C-alpha atoms as a PDB file:
ATOM      1  CA  UNK A   1     135.966  12.745  33.111  1.00  0.00           C
ATOM      2  CA  UNK A   2     134.319  13.038  30.159  1.00  0.00           C
ATOM      3  CA  UNK A   3     131.515  11.323  27.791  1.00  0.00           C
ATOM      4  CA  UNK A   4     131.223  11.047  23.787  1.00  0.00           C
ATOM      5  CA  UNK A   5     127.662  10.597  22.776  1.00  0.00           C
ATOM      6  CA  UNK A   6     124.085  10.837  24.751  1.00  0.00           C
ATOM      7  CA  UNK A   7     124.821  10.121  28.807  1.00  0.00           C
ATOM      8  CA  UNK A   8     122.746   7.623  30.392  1.00  0.00           C
ATOM      9  CA  UNK A   9     120.893   8.274  33.756  1.00  0.00           C
ATOM     10  CA  UNK A  10     122.111   5.332  34.894  1.00  0.00           C
ATOM     11  CA  UNK A  11     126.251   6.517  33.990  1.00  0.00           C
ATOM     12  CA  UNK A  12     125.335   9.908  35.517  1.00  0.00           C
ATOM     13  CA  UNK A  13     124.018   8.367  38.388  1.00  0.00           C
ATOM     14  CA  UNK A  14     126.729   5.680  38.668  1.00  0.00           C
ATOM     15  CA  UNK A  15     129.598   8.101  38.282  1.00  0.00           C
ATOM     16  CA  UNK A  16     127.886  10.336  40.684  1.00  0.00           C
ATOM     17  CA  UNK A  17     127.912   8.022  43.772  1.00  0.00           C
ATOM     18  CA  UNK A  18     131.105   6.512  42.814  1.00  0.00           C
ATOM     19  CA  UNK A  19     132.928  10.203  43.763  1.00  0.00           C
ATOM     20  CA  UNK A  20     130.528  10.747  46.707  1.00  0.00           C
ATOM     21  CA  UNK A  21     131.600   7.187  48.145  1.00  0.00           C
ATOM     22  CA  UNK A  22     134.982   8.058  47.112  1.00  0.00           C
ATOM     23  CA  UNK A  23     135.035  10.698  49.201  1.00  0.00           C
ATOM     24  CA  UNK A  24     132.658   8.852  52.648  1.00  0.00           C
ATOM     25  CA  UNK A  25     134.398   5.949  52.745  1.00  0.00           C
ATOM     26  CA  UNK A  26     137.107   6.130  54.064  1.00  0.00           C
ATOM     27  CA  UNK A  27     135.601   8.834  56.927  1.00  0.00           C
ATOM     28  CA  UNK A  28     132.696   5.872  57.896  1.00  0.00           C
ATOM     29  CA  UNK A  29     135.489   2.565  57.705  1.00  0.00           C
ATOM     30  CA  UNK A  30     137.149   4.953  60.625  1.00  0.00           C
ATOM     31  CA  UNK A  31     134.008   5.473  62.214  1.00  0.00           C
ATOM     32  CA  UNK A  32     132.780   8.644  61.452  1.00  0.00           C
ATOM     33  CA  UNK A  33     128.967   9.115  61.068  1.00  0.00           C
ATOM     34  CA  UNK A  34     128.501   6.044  63.584  1.00  0.00           C
ATOM     35  CA  UNK A  35     127.393   7.328  66.717  1.00  0.00           C
ATOM     36  CA  UNK A  36     127.057   4.268  69.070  1.00  0.00           C
ATOM     37  CA  UNK A  37     124.380   6.169  71.058  1.00  0.00           C
ATOM     38  CA  UNK A  38     121.097   6.194  68.245  1.00  0.00           C
ATOM     39  CA  UNK A  39     119.891   3.219  66.050  1.00  0.00           C
ATOM     40  CA  UNK A  40     120.663   5.457  62.786  1.00  0.00           C
ATOM     41  CA  UNK A  41     124.095   5.892  61.469  1.00  0.00           C
ATOM     42  CA  UNK A  42     126.083   5.339  58.373  1.00  0.00           C
ATOM     43  CA  UNK A  43     127.671   1.631  57.544  1.00  0.00           C
ATOM     44  CA  UNK A  44     130.657   0.953  55.307  1.00  0.00           C
ATOM     45  CA  UNK A  45     129.011  -1.890  53.319  1.00  0.00           C
ATOM     46  CA  UNK A  46     131.277  -4.394  52.200  1.00  0.00           C
ATOM     47  CA  UNK A  47     130.201  -6.647  49.378  1.00  0.00           C
ATOM     48  CA  UNK A  48     131.541  -9.356  46.809  1.00  0.00           C
ATOM     49  CA  UNK A  49     131.105  -7.844  42.192  1.00  0.00           C
ATOM     50  CA  UNK A  50     128.701  -9.623  40.751  1.00  0.00           C
ATOM     51  CA  UNK A  51     131.170  -9.563  37.991  1.00  0.00           C
ATOM     52  CA  UNK A  52     134.752  -8.428  39.146  1.00  0.00           C
ATOM     53  CA  UNK A  53     135.231 -10.724  41.707  1.00  0.00           C
ATOM     54  CA  UNK A  54     136.730  -7.781  43.777  1.00  0.00           C
ATOM     55  CA  UNK A  55     135.824  -6.304  46.973  1.00  0.00           C
ATOM     56  CA  UNK A  56     133.382  -3.076  46.821  1.00  0.00           C
ATOM     57  CA  UNK A  57     132.681  -0.661  49.174  1.00  0.00           C
ATOM     58  CA  UNK A  58     129.177   1.746  49.432  1.00  0.00           C
ATOM     59  CA  UNK A  59     128.804   3.902  52.360  1.00  0.00           C
ATOM     60  CA  UNK A  60     124.946   3.908  53.574  1.00  0.00           C
ATOM     61  CA  UNK A  61     122.624   5.200  56.001  1.00  0.00           C
ATOM     62  CA  UNK A  62     121.474   2.742  58.249  1.00  0.00           C
ATOM     63  CA  UNK A  63     118.984   1.352  61.186  1.00  0.00           C
ATOM     64  CA  UNK A  64     119.929  -0.887  63.594  1.00  0.00           C
ATOM     65  CA  UNK A  65     117.507  -3.385  64.833  1.00  0.00           C
ATOM     66  CA  UNK A  66     119.198  -5.377  67.542  1.00  0.00           C
ATOM     67  CA  UNK A  67     121.520  -7.563  66.160  1.00  0.00           C
ATOM     68  CA  UNK A  68     120.350  -6.480  63.296  1.00  0.00           C
ATOM     69  CA  UNK A  69     120.580  -3.797  60.596  1.00  0.00           C
ATOM     70  CA  UNK A  70     118.478  -2.525  57.980  1.00  0.00           C
ATOM     71  CA  UNK A  71     119.990  -0.521  54.623  1.00  0.00           C
ATOM     72  CA  UNK A  72     117.728   0.406  51.235  1.00  0.00           C
ATOM     73  CA  UNK A  73     118.044   2.431  48.424  1.00  0.00           C
ATOM     74  CA  UNK A  74     115.744   4.275  45.861  1.00  0.00           C
ATOM     75  CA  UNK A  75     117.412   2.870  43.222  1.00  0.00           C
ATOM     76  CA  UNK A  76     116.659  -0.359  43.543  1.00  0.00           C
ATOM     77  CA  UNK A  77     118.055  -3.594  41.538  1.00  0.00           C
ATOM     78  CA  UNK A  78     120.011  -0.577  39.090  1.00  0.00           C
ATOM     79  CA  UNK A  79     122.446  -0.698  43.110  1.00  0.00           C
ATOM     80  CA  UNK A  80     125.476  -2.080  42.262  1.00  0.00           C
ATOM     81  CA  UNK A  81     125.750  -3.508  45.953  1.00  0.00           C
ATOM     82  CA  UNK A  82     121.851  -5.330  46.039  1.00  0.00           C
ATOM     83  CA  UNK A  83     123.229  -6.775  42.722  1.00  0.00           C
ATOM     84  CA  UNK A  84     126.229  -8.136  44.717  1.00  0.00           C
ATOM     85  CA  UNK A  85     123.661  -8.998  47.543  1.00  0.00           C
ATOM     86  CA  UNK A  86     121.791 -10.987  45.914  1.00  0.00           C
ATOM     87  CA  UNK A  87     124.800 -12.965  43.515  1.00  0.00           C
ATOM     88  CA  UNK A  88     126.313 -13.466  47.231  1.00  0.00           C
ATOM     89  CA  UNK A  89     124.651 -13.116  50.878  1.00  0.00           C
ATOM     90  CA  UNK A  90     128.226 -13.174  52.285  1.00  0.00           C
ATOM     91  CA  UNK A  91     129.352  -9.486  53.760  1.00  0.00           C
ATOM     92  CA  UNK A  92     131.226  -7.584  56.462  1.00  0.00           C
ATOM     93  CA  UNK A  93     129.999  -4.218  57.004  1.00  0.00           C
ATOM     94  CA  UNK A  94     131.982  -1.618  59.222  1.00  0.00           C
ATOM     95  CA  UNK A  95     130.126  -0.002  62.361  1.00  0.00           C
ATOM     96  CA  UNK A  96     132.175   2.696  64.398  1.00  0.00           C
ATOM     97  CA  UNK A  97     134.632   1.567  62.533  1.00  0.00           C
ATOM     98  CA  UNK A  98     134.747  -1.908  63.882  1.00  0.00           C
ATOM     99  CA  UNK A  99     133.980  -4.425  61.021  1.00  0.00           C
ATOM    100  CA  UNK A 100     131.339  -7.068  61.562  1.00  0.00           C
ATOM    101  CA  UNK A 101     130.740 -10.229  59.626  1.00  0.00           C
ATOM    102  CA  UNK A 102     126.837 -10.784  58.496  1.00  0.00           C
ATOM    103  CA  UNK A 103     124.727 -12.609  56.355  1.00  0.00           C
ATOM    104  CA  UNK A 104     122.567 -10.002  54.049  1.00  0.00           C
ATOM    105  CA  UNK A 105     118.755 -10.803  52.741  1.00  0.00           C
ATOM    106  CA  UNK A 106     117.874  -8.397  49.509  1.00  0.00           C
ATOM    107  CA  UNK A 107     114.178  -7.331  49.890  1.00  0.00           C
ATOM    108  CA  UNK A 108     112.393  -5.998  46.537  1.00  0.00           C
ATOM    109  CA  UNK A 109     109.501  -4.688  46.905  1.00  0.00           C
ATOM    110  CA  UNK A 110     106.357  -6.600  44.491  1.00  0.00           C
ATOM    111  CA  UNK A 111     108.419  -9.611  43.999  1.00  0.00           C
ATOM    112  CA  UNK A 112     107.709 -13.208  45.617  1.00  0.00           C
ATOM    113  CA  UNK A 113     110.360 -13.327  47.252  1.00  0.00           C
ATOM    114  CA  UNK A 114     109.695 -15.057  50.958  1.00  0.00           C
ATOM    115  CA  UNK A 115     111.231 -13.792  53.934  1.00  0.00           C
ATOM    116  CA  UNK A 116     113.367 -16.028  55.960  1.00  0.00           C
ATOM    117  CA  UNK A 117     112.164 -18.343  58.457  1.00  0.00           C
ATOM    118  CA  UNK A 118     115.010 -18.374  60.016  1.00  0.00           C
ATOM    119  CA  UNK A 119     114.910 -14.770  61.148  1.00  0.00           C
ATOM    120  CA  UNK A 120     113.457 -13.073  64.328  1.00  0.00           C
ATOM    121  CA  UNK A 121     109.490 -13.233  64.393  1.00  0.00           C
ATOM    122  CA  UNK A 122     109.882  -9.122  64.446  1.00  0.00           C
ATOM    123  CA  UNK A 123     112.782  -9.069  61.595  1.00  0.00           C
ATOM    124  CA  UNK A 124     109.556 -11.362  59.897  1.00  0.00           C
ATOM    125  CA  UNK A 125     107.138  -9.314  60.390  1.00  0.00           C
ATOM    126  CA  UNK A 126     109.372  -5.794  59.240  1.00  0.00           C
ATOM    127  CA  UNK A 127     110.613  -8.000  55.896  1.00  0.00           C
ATOM    128  CA  UNK A 128     107.003  -8.922  55.225  1.00  0.00           C
ATOM    129  CA  UNK A 129     106.198  -5.623  55.607  1.00  0.00           C
ATOM    130  CA  UNK A 130     108.381  -3.568  53.531  1.00  0.00           C
ATOM    131  CA  UNK A 131     107.600  -6.020  50.147  1.00  0.00           C
ATOM    132  CA  UNK A 132     104.172  -5.968  50.419  1.00  0.00           C
ATOM    133  CA  UNK A 133     104.387  -2.243  51.067  1.00  0.00           C
ATOM    134  CA  UNK A 134     107.710  -0.697  49.739  1.00  0.00           C
ATOM    135  CA  UNK A 135     108.080   1.522  46.826  1.00  0.00           C
ATOM    136  CA  UNK A 136     108.269  -1.131  43.725  1.00  0.00           C
ATOM    137  CA  UNK A 137     111.285   0.778  42.966  1.00  0.00           C
ATOM    138  CA  UNK A 138     113.122   0.682  46.126  1.00  0.00           C
ATOM    139  CA  UNK A 139     115.423  -1.810  47.129  1.00  0.00           C
ATOM    140  CA  UNK A 140     115.676  -3.519  50.933  1.00  0.00           C
ATOM    141  CA  UNK A 141     118.457  -5.375  52.737  1.00  0.00           C
ATOM    142  CA  UNK A 142     118.419  -6.996  56.023  1.00  0.00           C
ATOM    143  CA  UNK A 143     121.752  -7.449  57.810  1.00  0.00           C
ATOM    144  CA  UNK A 144     122.253 -10.122  59.904  1.00  0.00           C
ATOM    145  CA  UNK A 145     124.973 -12.348  62.516  1.00  0.00           C
ATOM    146  CA  UNK A 146     126.357 -14.854  60.231  1.00  0.00           C
ATOM    147  CA  UNK A 147     124.412 -17.967  59.996  1.00  0.00           C
ATOM    148  CA  UNK A 148     127.204 -20.610  60.699  1.00  0.00           C
ATOM    149  CA  UNK A 149     127.095 -23.786  58.142  1.00  0.00           C
END
């Protein structure tokens, strides 16, 4: 890919992560990087594009917390998966090669967003801690069981 004119940091990040994800995604979808005996693993998060409406998949390092999964990015709001989750919280992710439906709770440190009372107490405490003490430029998401309407 060639660029004309000055290259922005965001464009370089976007191209880098798209190329990396194109290599990692098929492996994670098959379960590579998702050992069942450790709480830390790689998941493949599938969101709906906030502009295109198309399925978008992003490999992410995650930490399992019982029925919940925590993911994060140092790129914060610049990450497209974060923007997608802000528009549509119903997601799917692949763990151990198996798809799982989930409800996403986006946490942006320094924001005025409240922690949902529907989360278990321990997860609420973690979410509050991340909102209050997490790096301001980061973003976090908690993926939990889908809430039945």
